[in-house]
Amino acid sequence: MDEASRYAFETFNVLWWSIIGVVAFALGSYLFDKLDPIDYKVQIEQGNIAAAIKFSAVLLGLAGIIVTAIR
């Protein structure tokens, strides 16, 4: 495999896994939003700091799981 085709393959590989990660993150956050009875967007807009902390912790945990699974 020459250098140009290897570079193209690695670029495609990175883009492919990036798209999978973004879709998995969006799907996970959507599922959390639908399964949890609290409307976090409204709560955060009203200034509820606890809701913002909980939602951000869930998103960080979800991101950690996705990064671990992709590696």
PDB file of N, CA and C in Angstrom:
ATOM      1  N   MET A   1       0.851  -1.174   0.000  1.00  0.00           N
ATOM      2  CA  MET A   1       0.000   0.000   0.000  1.00  0.00           C
ATOM      3  C   MET A   1       0.895   1.235   0.000  1.00  0.00           C
ATOM      4  N   ASP A   2       0.706   2.081  -0.994  1.00  0.00           N
ATOM      5  CA  ASP A   2       1.542   3.266  -1.048  1.00  0.00           C
ATOM      6  C   ASP A   2       1.055   4.315  -0.043  1.00  0.00           C
ATOM      7  N   GLU A   3       1.835   5.357   0.106  1.00  0.00           N
ATOM      8  CA  GLU A   3       1.590   6.366   1.139  1.00  0.00           C
ATOM      9  C   GLU A   3       0.282   7.126   0.916  1.00  0.00           C
ATOM     10  N   ALA A   4      -0.035   7.461  -0.322  1.00  0.00           N
ATOM     11  CA  ALA A   4      -1.255   8.227  -0.602  1.00  0.00           C
ATOM     12  C   ALA A   4      -2.511   7.410  -0.314  1.00  0.00           C
ATOM     13  N   SER A   5      -2.510   6.145  -0.700  1.00  0.00           N
ATOM     14  CA  SER A   5      -3.699   5.335  -0.450  1.00  0.00           C
ATOM     15  C   SER A   5      -3.846   5.026   1.043  1.00  0.00           C
ATOM     16  N   ARG A   6      -2.745   4.869   1.749  1.00  0.00           N
ATOM     17  CA  ARG A   6      -2.821   4.665   3.198  1.00  0.00           C
ATOM     18  C   ARG A   6      -3.366   5.906   3.887  1.00  0.00           C
ATOM     19  N   TYR A   7      -2.934   7.074   3.451  1.00  0.00           N
ATOM     20  CA  TYR A   7      -3.429   8.335   4.004  1.00  0.00           C
ATOM     21  C   TYR A   7      -4.921   8.482   3.735  1.00  0.00           C
ATOM     22  N   ALA A   8      -5.358   8.142   2.539  1.00  0.00           N
ATOM     23  CA  ALA A   8      -6.780   8.217   2.198  1.00  0.00           C
ATOM     24  C   ALA A   8      -7.591   7.229   3.030  1.00  0.00           C
ATOM     25  N   PHE A   9      -7.073   6.028   3.218  1.00  0.00           N
ATOM     26  CA  PHE A   9      -7.775   5.030   4.026  1.00  0.00           C
ATOM     27  C   PHE A   9      -7.897   5.472   5.479  1.00  0.00           C
ATOM     28  N   GLU A  10      -6.829   5.995   6.048  1.00  0.00           N
ATOM     29  CA  GLU A  10      -6.865   6.449   7.439  1.00  0.00           C
ATOM     30  C   GLU A  10      -7.801   7.649   7.605  1.00  0.00           C
ATOM     31  N   THR A  11      -7.824   8.548   6.632  1.00  0.00           N
ATOM     32  CA  THR A  11      -8.740   9.689   6.681  1.00  0.00           C
ATOM     33  C   THR A  11     -10.178   9.221   6.641  1.00  0.00           C
ATOM     34  N   PHE A  12     -10.485   8.283   5.760  1.00  0.00           N
ATOM     35  CA  PHE A  12     -11.832   7.726   5.684  1.00  0.00           C
ATOM     36  C   PHE A  12     -12.199   7.031   6.990  1.00  0.00           C
ATOM     37  N   ASN A  13     -11.269   6.294   7.562  1.00  0.00           N
ATOM     38  CA  ASN A  13     -11.507   5.582   8.806  1.00  0.00           C
ATOM     39  C   ASN A  13     -11.842   6.549   9.947  1.00  0.00           C
ATOM     40  N   VAL A  14     -11.100   7.628  10.056  1.00  0.00           N
ATOM     41  CA  VAL A  14     -11.349   8.623  11.099  1.00  0.00           C
ATOM     42  C   VAL A  14     -12.708   9.285  10.894  1.00  0.00           C
ATOM     43  N   LEU A  15     -13.028   9.651   9.661  1.00  0.00           N
ATOM     44  CA  LEU A  15     -14.314  10.278   9.387  1.00  0.00           C
ATOM     45  C   LEU A  15     -15.467   9.332   9.669  1.00  0.00           C
ATOM     46  N   TRP A  16     -15.323   8.066   9.292  1.00  0.00           N
ATOM     47  CA  TRP A  16     -16.375   7.073   9.518  1.00  0.00           C
ATOM     48  C   TRP A  16     -16.659   6.910  11.007  1.00  0.00           C
ATOM     49  N   TRP A  17     -15.608   6.731  11.823  1.00  0.00           N
ATOM     50  CA  TRP A  17     -15.818   6.539  13.259  1.00  0.00           C
ATOM     51  C   TRP A  17     -16.298   7.820  13.930  1.00  0.00           C
ATOM     52  N   SER A  18     -15.917   8.964  13.401  1.00  0.00           N
ATOM     53  CA  SER A  18     -16.428  10.226  13.937  1.00  0.00           C
ATOM     54  C   SER A  18     -17.926  10.349  13.715  1.00  0.00           C
ATOM     55  N   ILE A  19     -18.378   9.980  12.531  1.00  0.00           N
ATOM     56  CA  ILE A  19     -19.814  10.026  12.233  1.00  0.00           C
ATOM     57  C   ILE A  19     -20.570   9.048  13.126  1.00  0.00           C
ATOM     58  N   ILE A  20     -20.036   7.858  13.302  1.00  0.00           N
ATOM     59  CA  ILE A  20     -20.686   6.877  14.182  1.00  0.00           C
ATOM     60  C   ILE A  20     -20.752   7.406  15.613  1.00  0.00           C
ATOM     61  N   GLY A  21     -19.700   8.036  16.092  1.00  0.00           N
ATOM     62  CA  GLY A  21     -19.690   8.588  17.444  1.00  0.00           C
ATOM     63  C   GLY A  21     -20.698   9.702  17.634  1.00  0.00           C
ATOM     64  N   VAL A  22     -20.795  10.588  16.654  1.00  0.00           N
ATOM     65  CA  VAL A  22     -21.754  11.699  16.747  1.00  0.00           C
ATOM     66  C   VAL A  22     -23.183  11.174  16.721  1.00  0.00           C
ATOM     67  N   VAL A  23     -23.463  10.211  15.861  1.00  0.00           N
ATOM     68  CA  VAL A  23     -24.809   9.636  15.792  1.00  0.00           C
ATOM     69  C   VAL A  23     -25.147   8.906  17.086  1.00  0.00           C
ATOM     70  N   ALA A  24     -24.205   8.151  17.629  1.00  0.00           N
ATOM     71  CA  ALA A  24     -24.440   7.440  18.886  1.00  0.00           C
ATOM     72  C   ALA A  24     -24.677   8.423  20.029  1.00  0.00           C
ATOM     73  N   PHE A  25     -23.928   9.519  20.052  1.00  0.00           N
ATOM     74  CA  PHE A  25     -24.109  10.529  21.092  1.00  0.00           C
ATOM     75  C   PHE A  25     -25.473  11.201  20.970  1.00  0.00           C
ATOM     76  N   ALA A  26     -25.864  11.545  19.756  1.00  0.00           N
ATOM     77  CA  ALA A  26     -27.170  12.177  19.551  1.00  0.00           C
ATOM     78  C   ALA A  26     -28.302  11.217  19.917  1.00  0.00           C
ATOM     79  N   LEU A  27     -28.172   9.965  19.531  1.00  0.00           N
ATOM     80  CA  LEU A  27     -29.197   8.973  19.859  1.00  0.00           C
ATOM     81  C   LEU A  27     -29.272   8.740  21.370  1.00  0.00           C
ATOM     82  N   GLY A  28     -28.134   8.655  22.026  1.00  0.00           N
ATOM     83  CA  GLY A  28     -28.125   8.456  23.472  1.00  0.00           C
ATOM     84  C   GLY A  28     -28.726   9.625  24.227  1.00  0.00           C
ATOM     85  N   SER A  29     -28.391  10.851  23.823  1.00  0.00           N
ATOM     86  CA  SER A  29     -28.968  12.007  24.504  1.00  0.00           C
ATOM     87  C   SER A  29     -30.461  12.121  24.222  1.00  0.00           C
ATOM     88  N   TYR A  30     -30.890  11.756  23.014  1.00  0.00           N
ATOM     89  CA  TYR A  30     -32.320  11.763  22.688  1.00  0.00           C
ATOM     90  C   TYR A  30     -33.074  10.736  23.535  1.00  0.00           C
ATOM     91  N   LEU A  31     -32.505   9.532  23.655  1.00  0.00           N
ATOM     92  CA  LEU A  31     -33.150   8.502  24.467  1.00  0.00           C
ATOM     93  C   LEU A  31     -33.221   8.902  25.937  1.00  0.00           C
ATOM     94  N   PHE A  32     -32.165   9.494  26.459  1.00  0.00           N
ATOM     95  CA  PHE A  32     -32.199   9.950  27.844  1.00  0.00           C
ATOM     96  C   PHE A  32     -33.269  11.010  28.029  1.00  0.00           C
ATOM     97  N   ASP A  33     -33.367  11.927  27.079  1.00  0.00           N
ATOM     98  CA  ASP A  33     -34.363  12.991  27.169  1.00  0.00           C
ATOM     99  C   ASP A  33     -35.786  12.428  27.132  1.00  0.00           C
ATOM    100  N   LYS A  34     -36.011  11.391  26.338  1.00  0.00           N
ATOM    101  CA  LYS A  34     -37.349  10.797  26.238  1.00  0.00           C
ATOM    102  C   LYS A  34     -37.679   9.893  27.419  1.00  0.00           C
ATOM    103  N   LEU A  35     -36.690   9.193  27.972  1.00  0.00           N
ATOM    104  CA  LEU A  35     -36.952   8.260  29.053  1.00  0.00           C
ATOM    105  C   LEU A  35     -37.065   8.927  30.428  1.00  0.00           C
ATOM    106  N   ASP A  36     -36.398  10.036  30.620  1.00  0.00           N
ATOM    107  CA  ASP A  36     -36.453  10.729  31.895  1.00  0.00           C
ATOM    108  C   ASP A  36     -37.634  11.706  31.883  1.00  0.00           C
ATOM    109  N   PRO A  37     -38.460  11.709  32.925  1.00  0.00           N
ATOM    110  CA  PRO A  37     -39.667  12.537  32.894  1.00  0.00           C
ATOM    111  C   PRO A  37     -39.416  14.043  33.018  1.00  0.00           C
ATOM    112  N   ILE A  38     -38.220  14.442  33.411  1.00  0.00           N
ATOM    113  CA  ILE A  38     -37.927  15.863  33.577  1.00  0.00           C
ATOM    114  C   ILE A  38     -37.568  16.469  32.228  1.00  0.00           C
ATOM    115  N   ASP A  39     -38.140  17.637  31.923  1.00  0.00           N
ATOM    116  CA  ASP A  39     -37.778  18.361  30.702  1.00  0.00           C
ATOM    117  C   ASP A  39     -36.583  19.264  31.035  1.00  0.00           C
ATOM    118  N   TYR A  40     -35.389  18.781  30.730  1.00  0.00           N
ATOM    119  CA  TYR A  40     -34.182  19.480  31.128  1.00  0.00           C
ATOM    120  C   TYR A  40     -34.012  20.817  30.421  1.00  0.00           C
ATOM    121  N   LYS A  41     -34.448  20.914  29.200  1.00  0.00           N
ATOM    122  CA  LYS A  41     -34.296  22.181  28.474  1.00  0.00           C
ATOM    123  C   LYS A  41     -35.063  23.292  29.175  1.00  0.00           C
ATOM    124  N   VAL A  42     -36.298  23.011  29.572  1.00  0.00           N
ATOM    125  CA  VAL A  42     -37.105  24.015  30.272  1.00  0.00           C
ATOM    126  C   VAL A  42     -36.495  24.332  31.631  1.00  0.00           C
ATOM    127  N   GLN A  43     -36.064  23.297  32.344  1.00  0.00           N
ATOM    128  CA  GLN A  43     -35.487  23.503  33.667  1.00  0.00           C
ATOM    129  C   GLN A  43     -34.210  24.343  33.604  1.00  0.00           C
ATOM    130  N   ILE A  44     -33.382  24.085  32.616  1.00  0.00           N
ATOM    131  CA  ILE A  44     -32.138  24.853  32.476  1.00  0.00           C
ATOM    132  C   ILE A  44     -32.438  26.286  32.076  1.00  0.00           C
ATOM    133  N   GLU A  45     -33.417  26.489  31.194  1.00  0.00           N
ATOM    134  CA  GLU A  45     -33.800  27.854  30.808  1.00  0.00           C
ATOM    135  C   GLU A  45     -34.357  28.640  31.987  1.00  0.00           C
ATOM    136  N   GLN A  46     -34.979  27.951  32.947  1.00  0.00           N
ATOM    137  CA  GLN A  46     -35.510  28.610  34.141  1.00  0.00           C
ATOM    138  C   GLN A  46     -34.433  28.849  35.193  1.00  0.00           C
ATOM    139  N   GLY A  47     -33.232  28.391  34.950  1.00  0.00           N
ATOM    140  CA  GLY A  47     -32.120  28.649  35.851  1.00  0.00           C
ATOM    141  C   GLY A  47     -31.873  27.557  36.869  1.00  0.00           C
ATOM    142  N   ASN A  48     -32.383  26.359  36.650  1.00  0.00           N
ATOM    143  CA  ASN A  48     -32.179  25.252  37.572  1.00  0.00           C
ATOM    144  C   ASN A  48     -30.782  24.680  37.363  1.00  0.00           C
ATOM    145  N   ILE A  49     -29.885  25.034  38.282  1.00  0.00           N
ATOM    146  CA  ILE A  49     -28.490  24.613  38.169  1.00  0.00           C
ATOM    147  C   ILE A  49     -28.348  23.105  38.373  1.00  0.00           C
ATOM    148  N   ALA A  50     -29.152  22.527  39.257  1.00  0.00           N
ATOM    149  CA  ALA A  50     -29.068  21.087  39.510  1.00  0.00           C
ATOM    150  C   ALA A  50     -29.413  20.288  38.257  1.00  0.00           C
ATOM    151  N   ALA A  51     -30.416  20.733  37.512  1.00  0.00           N
ATOM    152  CA  ALA A  51     -30.776  20.051  36.267  1.00  0.00           C
ATOM    153  C   ALA A  51     -29.649  20.160  35.247  1.00  0.00           C
ATOM    154  N   ALA A  52     -29.009  21.323  35.200  1.00  0.00           N
ATOM    155  CA  ALA A  52     -27.894  21.508  34.270  1.00  0.00           C
ATOM    156  C   ALA A  52     -26.719  20.608  34.630  1.00  0.00           C
ATOM    157  N   ILE A  53     -26.436  20.481  35.910  1.00  0.00           N
ATOM    158  CA  ILE A  53     -25.332  19.626  36.342  1.00  0.00           C
ATOM    159  C   ILE A  53     -25.644  18.164  36.044  1.00  0.00           C
ATOM    160  N   LYS A  54     -26.872  17.735  36.332  1.00  0.00           N
ATOM    161  CA  LYS A  54     -27.230  16.337  36.077  1.00  0.00           C
ATOM    162  C   LYS A  54     -27.179  16.026  34.591  1.00  0.00           C
ATOM    163  N   PHE A  55     -27.736  16.910  33.765  1.00  0.00           N
ATOM    164  CA  PHE A  55     -27.755  16.668  32.327  1.00  0.00           C
ATOM    165  C   PHE A  55     -26.338  16.654  31.755  1.00  0.00           C
ATOM    166  N   SER A  56     -25.495  17.567  32.223  1.00  0.00           N
ATOM    167  CA  SER A  56     -24.113  17.581  31.729  1.00  0.00           C
ATOM    168  C   SER A  56     -23.350  16.340  32.185  1.00  0.00           C
ATOM    169  N   ALA A  57     -23.633  15.852  33.398  1.00  0.00           N
ATOM    170  CA  ALA A  57     -22.984  14.629  33.870  1.00  0.00           C
ATOM    171  C   ALA A  57     -23.411  13.428  33.037  1.00  0.00           C
ATOM    172  N   VAL A  58     -24.680  13.377  32.672  1.00  0.00           N
ATOM    173  CA  VAL A  58     -25.164  12.285  31.817  1.00  0.00           C
ATOM    174  C   VAL A  58     -24.491  12.349  30.452  1.00  0.00           C
ATOM    175  N   LEU A  59     -24.381  13.540  29.885  1.00  0.00           N
ATOM    176  CA  LEU A  59     -23.745  13.682  28.577  1.00  0.00           C
ATOM    177  C   LEU A  59     -22.259  13.324  28.625  1.00  0.00           C
ATOM    178  N   LEU A  60     -21.576  13.711  29.693  1.00  0.00           N
ATOM    179  CA  LEU A  60     -20.164  13.338  29.824  1.00  0.00           C
ATOM    180  C   LEU A  60     -19.996  11.835  29.986  1.00  0.00           C
ATOM    181  N   GLY A  61     -20.874  11.215  30.745  1.00  0.00           N
ATOM    182  CA  GLY A  61     -20.827   9.758  30.889  1.00  0.00           C
ATOM    183  C   GLY A  61     -21.095   9.046  29.582  1.00  0.00           C
ATOM    184  N   LEU A  62     -22.056   9.551  28.846  1.00  0.00           N
ATOM    185  CA  LEU A  62     -22.371   8.980  27.537  1.00  0.00           C
ATOM    186  C   LEU A  62     -21.195   9.124  26.589  1.00  0.00           C
ATOM    187  N   ALA A  63     -20.552  10.281  26.603  1.00  0.00           N
ATOM    188  CA  ALA A  63     -19.389  10.498  25.752  1.00  0.00           C
ATOM    189  C   ALA A  63     -18.245   9.558  26.128  1.00  0.00           C
ATOM    190  N   GLY A  64     -18.054   9.338  27.430  1.00  0.00           N
ATOM    191  CA  GLY A  64     -17.012   8.410  27.873  1.00  0.00           C
ATOM    192  C   GLY A  64     -17.268   6.990  27.414  1.00  0.00           C
ATOM    193  N   ILE A  65     -18.504   6.566  27.480  1.00  0.00           N
ATOM    194  CA  ILE A  65     -18.857   5.212  27.012  1.00  0.00           C
ATOM    195  C   ILE A  65     -18.620   5.083  25.518  1.00  0.00           C
ATOM    196  N   ILE A  66     -19.003   6.089  24.757  1.00  0.00           N
ATOM    197  CA  ILE A  66     -18.833   6.034  23.300  1.00  0.00           C
ATOM    198  C   ILE A  66     -17.359   6.026  22.927  1.00  0.00           C
ATOM    199  N   VAL A  67     -16.560   6.851  23.582  1.00  0.00           N
ATOM    200  CA  VAL A  67     -15.116   6.876  23.289  1.00  0.00           C
ATOM    201  C   VAL A  67     -14.485   5.531  23.595  1.00  0.00           C
ATOM    202  N   THR A  68     -14.871   4.934  24.704  1.00  0.00           N
ATOM    203  CA  THR A  68     -14.327   3.622  25.073  1.00  0.00           C
ATOM    204  C   THR A  68     -14.740   2.560  24.072  1.00  0.00           C
ATOM    205  N   ALA A  69     -15.986   2.605  23.625  1.00  0.00           N
ATOM    206  CA  ALA A  69     -16.476   1.607  22.678  1.00  0.00           C
ATOM    207  C   ALA A  69     -15.829   1.753  21.307  1.00  0.00           C
ATOM    208  N   ILE A  70     -15.551   2.965  20.888  1.00  0.00           N
ATOM    209  CA  ILE A  70     -14.952   3.181  19.563  1.00  0.00           C
ATOM    210  C   ILE A  70     -13.485   2.779  19.552  1.00  0.00           C
ATOM    211  N   ARG A  71     -12.785   2.993  20.619  1.00  0.00           N
ATOM    212  CA  ARG A  71     -11.375   2.600  20.669  1.00  0.00           C
ATOM    213  C   ARG A  71     -11.300   1.123  20.621  1.00  0.00           C
TER     214      ARG A  71
END
